[in-house]
Amino acid sequence: MKTKLMTLLCLLALAAGSVNSVRADDFDSSGAAATDALIARPLGLVATAFGSLLFVFSLPFTAPSGHVRQSAQVLVVKPAQATFNRPLGDFSTLD
């Protein structure tokens, strides 16, 4: 069971890393919204959860160096903002 879970997590990480960025002007608005709702938002949620785990595991290394805020920004805040704060179908704010 544990190896199946790790395999699934590795496959999700690979899939999230190989997603091409798209722009909203490449699609009509309904296609962009559907793509966002069905693909981008769930991947963003996975990226936020995975980034949160990485942030917690990296705290012993980032705290002594004083880079906790930068680590939190990159690993947690940016994926969360891309997932929860941008309008549905608007890919123009993603970098």
N, C-alpha and C. Protein backbone atom coordinates (compact mmCIF):
# COMPACT_ATOMS: atom_id res chain seq x y z
N MET A 1 0.83 -1.20 0.00
CA MET A 1 0.00 0.00 0.00
C MET A 1 0.87 1.26 0.00
N LYS A 2 1.94 1.21 0.81
CA LYS A 2 2.80 2.37 0.92
C LYS A 2 3.54 2.63 -0.39
N THR A 3 3.96 1.57 -1.07
CA THR A 3 4.66 1.76 -2.34
C THR A 3 3.71 2.27 -3.42
N LYS A 4 2.45 1.85 -3.37
CA LYS A 4 1.48 2.36 -4.34
C LYS A 4 1.26 3.85 -4.15
N LEU A 5 1.17 4.27 -2.89
CA LEU A 5 0.98 5.68 -2.58
C LEU A 5 2.18 6.50 -3.04
N MET A 6 3.39 6.01 -2.77
CA MET A 6 4.59 6.72 -3.19
C MET A 6 4.68 6.78 -4.71
N THR A 7 4.31 5.70 -5.38
CA THR A 7 4.32 5.69 -6.84
C THR A 7 3.33 6.71 -7.39
N LEU A 8 2.14 6.76 -6.81
CA LEU A 8 1.14 7.73 -7.23
C LEU A 8 1.62 9.15 -7.02
N LEU A 9 2.23 9.42 -5.87
CA LEU A 9 2.73 10.77 -5.60
C LEU A 9 3.84 11.15 -6.57
N CYS A 10 4.72 10.20 -6.89
CA CYS A 10 5.78 10.48 -7.86
C CYS A 10 5.21 10.76 -9.25
N LEU A 11 4.20 10.00 -9.66
CA LEU A 11 3.58 10.22 -10.95
C LEU A 11 2.88 11.57 -11.00
N LEU A 12 2.22 11.95 -9.92
CA LEU A 12 1.57 13.27 -9.87
C LEU A 12 2.60 14.39 -9.93
N ALA A 13 3.73 14.20 -9.25
CA ALA A 13 4.77 15.22 -9.29
C ALA A 13 5.34 15.35 -10.69
N LEU A 14 5.56 14.22 -11.36
CA LEU A 14 6.05 14.26 -12.74
C LEU A 14 5.03 14.91 -13.67
N ALA A 15 3.77 14.58 -13.49
CA ALA A 15 2.73 15.15 -14.33
C ALA A 15 2.61 16.66 -14.11
N ALA A 16 2.71 17.09 -12.86
CA ALA A 16 2.61 18.52 -12.57
C ALA A 16 3.81 19.27 -13.13
N GLY A 17 4.96 18.64 -13.15
CA GLY A 17 6.15 19.29 -13.67
C GLY A 17 6.18 19.37 -15.18
N SER A 18 5.42 18.52 -15.85
CA SER A 18 5.46 18.51 -17.30
C SER A 18 4.29 19.24 -17.94
N VAL A 19 3.50 19.93 -17.15
CA VAL A 19 2.37 20.68 -17.69
C VAL A 19 2.90 21.94 -18.37
N ASN A 20 2.51 22.15 -19.60
CA ASN A 20 2.90 23.35 -20.33
C ASN A 20 2.05 24.52 -19.87
N SER A 21 2.68 25.68 -19.78
CA SER A 21 1.88 26.84 -19.42
C SER A 21 1.09 27.28 -20.65
N VAL A 22 -0.13 27.68 -20.41
CA VAL A 22 -0.99 28.13 -21.49
C VAL A 22 -1.49 29.53 -21.16
N ARG A 23 -1.88 30.22 -22.15
CA ARG A 23 -2.42 31.56 -21.97
C ARG A 23 -3.91 31.55 -22.26
N ALA A 24 -4.64 32.43 -21.60
CA ALA A 24 -6.10 32.47 -21.76
C ALA A 24 -6.48 32.87 -23.19
N ASP A 25 -5.65 33.64 -23.86
CA ASP A 25 -6.01 34.05 -25.21
C ASP A 25 -5.83 32.94 -26.23
N ASP A 26 -5.25 31.80 -25.84
CA ASP A 26 -5.12 30.66 -26.73
C ASP A 26 -6.42 29.87 -26.85
N PHE A 27 -7.33 30.05 -25.91
CA PHE A 27 -8.58 29.32 -25.87
C PHE A 27 -9.74 30.30 -25.92
N ASP A 28 -10.91 29.80 -26.24
CA ASP A 28 -12.08 30.62 -26.00
C ASP A 28 -12.35 30.58 -24.50
N SER A 29 -13.19 31.45 -24.00
CA SER A 29 -13.35 31.58 -22.56
C SER A 29 -13.92 30.32 -21.90
N SER A 30 -14.81 29.62 -22.57
CA SER A 30 -15.37 28.41 -21.95
C SER A 30 -14.34 27.29 -21.92
N GLY A 31 -13.52 27.19 -22.96
CA GLY A 31 -12.47 26.17 -22.97
C GLY A 31 -11.42 26.45 -21.91
N ALA A 32 -11.07 27.71 -21.74
CA ALA A 32 -10.08 28.08 -20.73
C ALA A 32 -10.63 27.81 -19.33
N ALA A 33 -11.89 28.13 -19.11
CA ALA A 33 -12.50 27.90 -17.80
C ALA A 33 -12.58 26.41 -17.50
N ALA A 34 -12.95 25.62 -18.50
CA ALA A 34 -13.04 24.17 -18.29
C ALA A 34 -11.66 23.57 -18.02
N THR A 35 -10.66 24.01 -18.78
CA THR A 35 -9.30 23.52 -18.57
C THR A 35 -8.81 23.90 -17.18
N ASP A 36 -9.11 25.12 -16.78
CA ASP A 36 -8.70 25.59 -15.47
C ASP A 36 -9.38 24.78 -14.37
N ALA A 37 -10.69 24.59 -14.48
CA ALA A 37 -11.44 23.90 -13.43
C ALA A 37 -11.10 22.42 -13.35
N LEU A 38 -10.85 21.78 -14.49
CA LEU A 38 -10.64 20.33 -14.49
C LEU A 38 -9.18 19.93 -14.34
N ILE A 39 -8.25 20.78 -14.76
CA ILE A 39 -6.84 20.38 -14.75
C ILE A 39 -6.00 21.29 -13.86
N ALA A 40 -6.02 22.59 -14.11
CA ALA A 40 -5.10 23.50 -13.44
C ALA A 40 -5.39 23.64 -11.94
N ARG A 41 -6.65 23.78 -11.57
CA ARG A 41 -6.97 23.96 -10.15
C ARG A 41 -6.64 22.72 -9.32
N PRO A 42 -7.00 21.50 -9.77
CA PRO A 42 -6.60 20.33 -8.98
C PRO A 42 -5.07 20.18 -8.88
N LEU A 43 -4.35 20.45 -9.97
CA LEU A 43 -2.89 20.40 -9.91
C LEU A 43 -2.34 21.48 -8.98
N GLY A 44 -2.97 22.64 -8.97
CA GLY A 44 -2.57 23.70 -8.06
C GLY A 44 -2.78 23.31 -6.61
N LEU A 45 -3.87 22.61 -6.35
CA LEU A 45 -4.13 22.14 -4.99
C LEU A 45 -3.08 21.13 -4.56
N VAL A 46 -2.72 20.22 -5.46
CA VAL A 46 -1.67 19.25 -5.17
C VAL A 46 -0.34 19.96 -4.96
N ALA A 47 -0.03 20.95 -5.78
CA ALA A 47 1.21 21.70 -5.63
C ALA A 47 1.24 22.46 -4.31
N THR A 48 0.12 23.00 -3.88
CA THR A 48 0.05 23.70 -2.60
C THR A 48 0.29 22.75 -1.44
N ALA A 49 -0.35 21.58 -1.49
CA ALA A 49 -0.17 20.58 -0.42
C ALA A 49 1.26 20.07 -0.39
N PHE A 50 1.82 19.75 -1.57
CA PHE A 50 3.18 19.25 -1.64
C PHE A 50 4.18 20.33 -1.21
N GLY A 51 3.94 21.56 -1.61
CA GLY A 51 4.80 22.67 -1.19
C GLY A 51 4.75 22.91 0.31
N SER A 52 3.56 22.72 0.90
CA SER A 52 3.44 22.86 2.35
C SER A 52 4.26 21.81 3.08
N LEU A 53 4.20 20.58 2.56
CA LEU A 53 5.02 19.51 3.16
C LEU A 53 6.51 19.82 3.01
N LEU A 54 6.91 20.25 1.85
CA LEU A 54 8.32 20.60 1.65
C LEU A 54 8.74 21.76 2.54
N PHE A 55 7.85 22.71 2.73
CA PHE A 55 8.16 23.84 3.60
C PHE A 55 8.39 23.38 5.03
N VAL A 56 7.53 22.50 5.52
CA VAL A 56 7.69 22.00 6.90
C VAL A 56 9.00 21.22 7.03
N PHE A 57 9.30 20.38 6.04
CA PHE A 57 10.53 19.61 6.11
C PHE A 57 11.78 20.46 5.95
N SER A 58 11.66 21.61 5.28
CA SER A 58 12.82 22.46 5.08
C SER A 58 13.03 23.46 6.22
N LEU A 59 12.09 23.57 7.14
CA LEU A 59 12.22 24.54 8.23
C LEU A 59 13.51 24.40 9.04
N PRO A 60 13.96 23.19 9.38
CA PRO A 60 15.22 23.10 10.13
C PRO A 60 16.42 23.68 9.38
N PHE A 61 16.34 23.76 8.07
CA PHE A 61 17.45 24.29 7.29
C PHE A 61 17.30 25.77 6.98
N THR A 62 16.06 26.22 6.81
CA THR A 62 15.84 27.62 6.46
C THR A 62 15.78 28.54 7.67
N ALA A 63 15.36 28.01 8.81
CA ALA A 63 15.24 28.85 10.01
C ALA A 63 16.59 29.41 10.47
N PRO A 64 17.63 28.60 10.57
CA PRO A 64 18.91 29.17 11.00
C PRO A 64 19.49 30.20 10.02
N SER A 65 19.19 30.04 8.74
CA SER A 65 19.73 30.98 7.76
C SER A 65 18.87 32.23 7.60
N GLY A 66 17.67 32.22 8.19
CA GLY A 66 16.80 33.40 8.13
C GLY A 66 16.02 33.54 6.84
N HIS A 67 15.82 32.46 6.11
CA HIS A 67 15.12 32.51 4.84
C HIS A 67 13.76 31.80 4.88
N VAL A 68 13.11 31.83 6.03
CA VAL A 68 11.82 31.17 6.18
C VAL A 68 10.76 31.86 5.33
N ARG A 69 10.77 33.18 5.33
CA ARG A 69 9.75 33.92 4.57
C ARG A 69 9.86 33.66 3.07
N GLN A 70 11.07 33.65 2.54
CA GLN A 70 11.25 33.39 1.11
C GLN A 70 10.83 31.96 0.76
N SER A 71 11.17 31.03 1.63
CA SER A 71 10.79 29.63 1.41
C SER A 71 9.27 29.47 1.42
N ALA A 72 8.61 30.12 2.36
CA ALA A 72 7.15 30.05 2.44
C ALA A 72 6.51 30.68 1.21
N GLN A 73 7.07 31.77 0.74
CA GLN A 73 6.53 32.46 -0.43
C GLN A 73 6.56 31.56 -1.66
N VAL A 74 7.70 30.92 -1.89
CA VAL A 74 7.88 30.10 -3.09
C VAL A 74 7.11 28.78 -3.00
N LEU A 75 7.17 28.13 -1.84
CA LEU A 75 6.61 26.78 -1.72
C LEU A 75 5.13 26.74 -1.40
N VAL A 76 4.60 27.76 -0.71
CA VAL A 76 3.21 27.71 -0.27
C VAL A 76 2.36 28.84 -0.85
N VAL A 77 2.81 30.06 -0.70
CA VAL A 77 1.98 31.22 -1.04
C VAL A 77 1.71 31.32 -2.54
N LYS A 78 2.74 31.20 -3.37
CA LYS A 78 2.53 31.33 -4.82
C LYS A 78 1.59 30.25 -5.37
N PRO A 79 1.79 28.96 -5.03
CA PRO A 79 0.83 27.96 -5.53
C PRO A 79 -0.58 28.18 -4.99
N ALA A 80 -0.69 28.61 -3.73
CA ALA A 80 -2.02 28.84 -3.16
C ALA A 80 -2.72 30.01 -3.85
N GLN A 81 -1.98 31.08 -4.13
CA GLN A 81 -2.59 32.21 -4.83
C GLN A 81 -3.02 31.83 -6.24
N ALA A 82 -2.20 31.05 -6.93
CA ALA A 82 -2.56 30.62 -8.28
C ALA A 82 -3.77 29.70 -8.27
N THR A 83 -3.96 28.96 -7.18
CA THR A 83 -5.07 28.03 -7.09
C THR A 83 -6.36 28.71 -6.64
N PHE A 84 -6.27 29.58 -5.65
CA PHE A 84 -7.49 30.09 -5.02
C PHE A 84 -7.83 31.55 -5.31
N ASN A 85 -6.90 32.37 -5.76
CA ASN A 85 -7.17 33.80 -5.87
C ASN A 85 -7.43 34.32 -7.28
N ARG A 86 -6.96 33.64 -8.28
CA ARG A 86 -7.12 34.18 -9.64
C ARG A 86 -8.49 33.79 -10.21
N PRO A 87 -8.99 34.59 -11.14
CA PRO A 87 -10.28 34.29 -11.77
C PRO A 87 -10.21 32.99 -12.58
N LEU A 88 -11.33 32.30 -12.65
CA LEU A 88 -11.41 31.04 -13.36
C LEU A 88 -11.15 31.26 -14.85
N GLY A 89 -10.21 30.52 -15.41
CA GLY A 89 -9.88 30.62 -16.82
C GLY A 89 -8.85 31.68 -17.16
N ASP A 90 -8.37 32.43 -16.19
CA ASP A 90 -7.39 33.49 -16.42
C ASP A 90 -5.99 32.97 -16.14
N PHE A 91 -5.28 32.60 -17.20
CA PHE A 91 -3.93 32.10 -17.05
C PHE A 91 -2.87 33.19 -17.23
N SER A 92 -3.29 34.41 -17.48
CA SER A 92 -2.35 35.48 -17.78
C SER A 92 -1.53 35.90 -16.55
N THR A 93 -2.01 35.63 -15.35
CA THR A 93 -1.28 36.02 -14.16
C THR A 93 -0.26 34.99 -13.71
N LEU A 94 -0.24 33.83 -14.35
CA LEU A 94 0.74 32.80 -13.99
C LEU A 94 2.07 33.10 -14.65
N ASP A 95 3.13 32.90 -13.92
CA ASP A 95 4.48 33.13 -14.46
C ASP A 95 5.12 31.83 -14.84
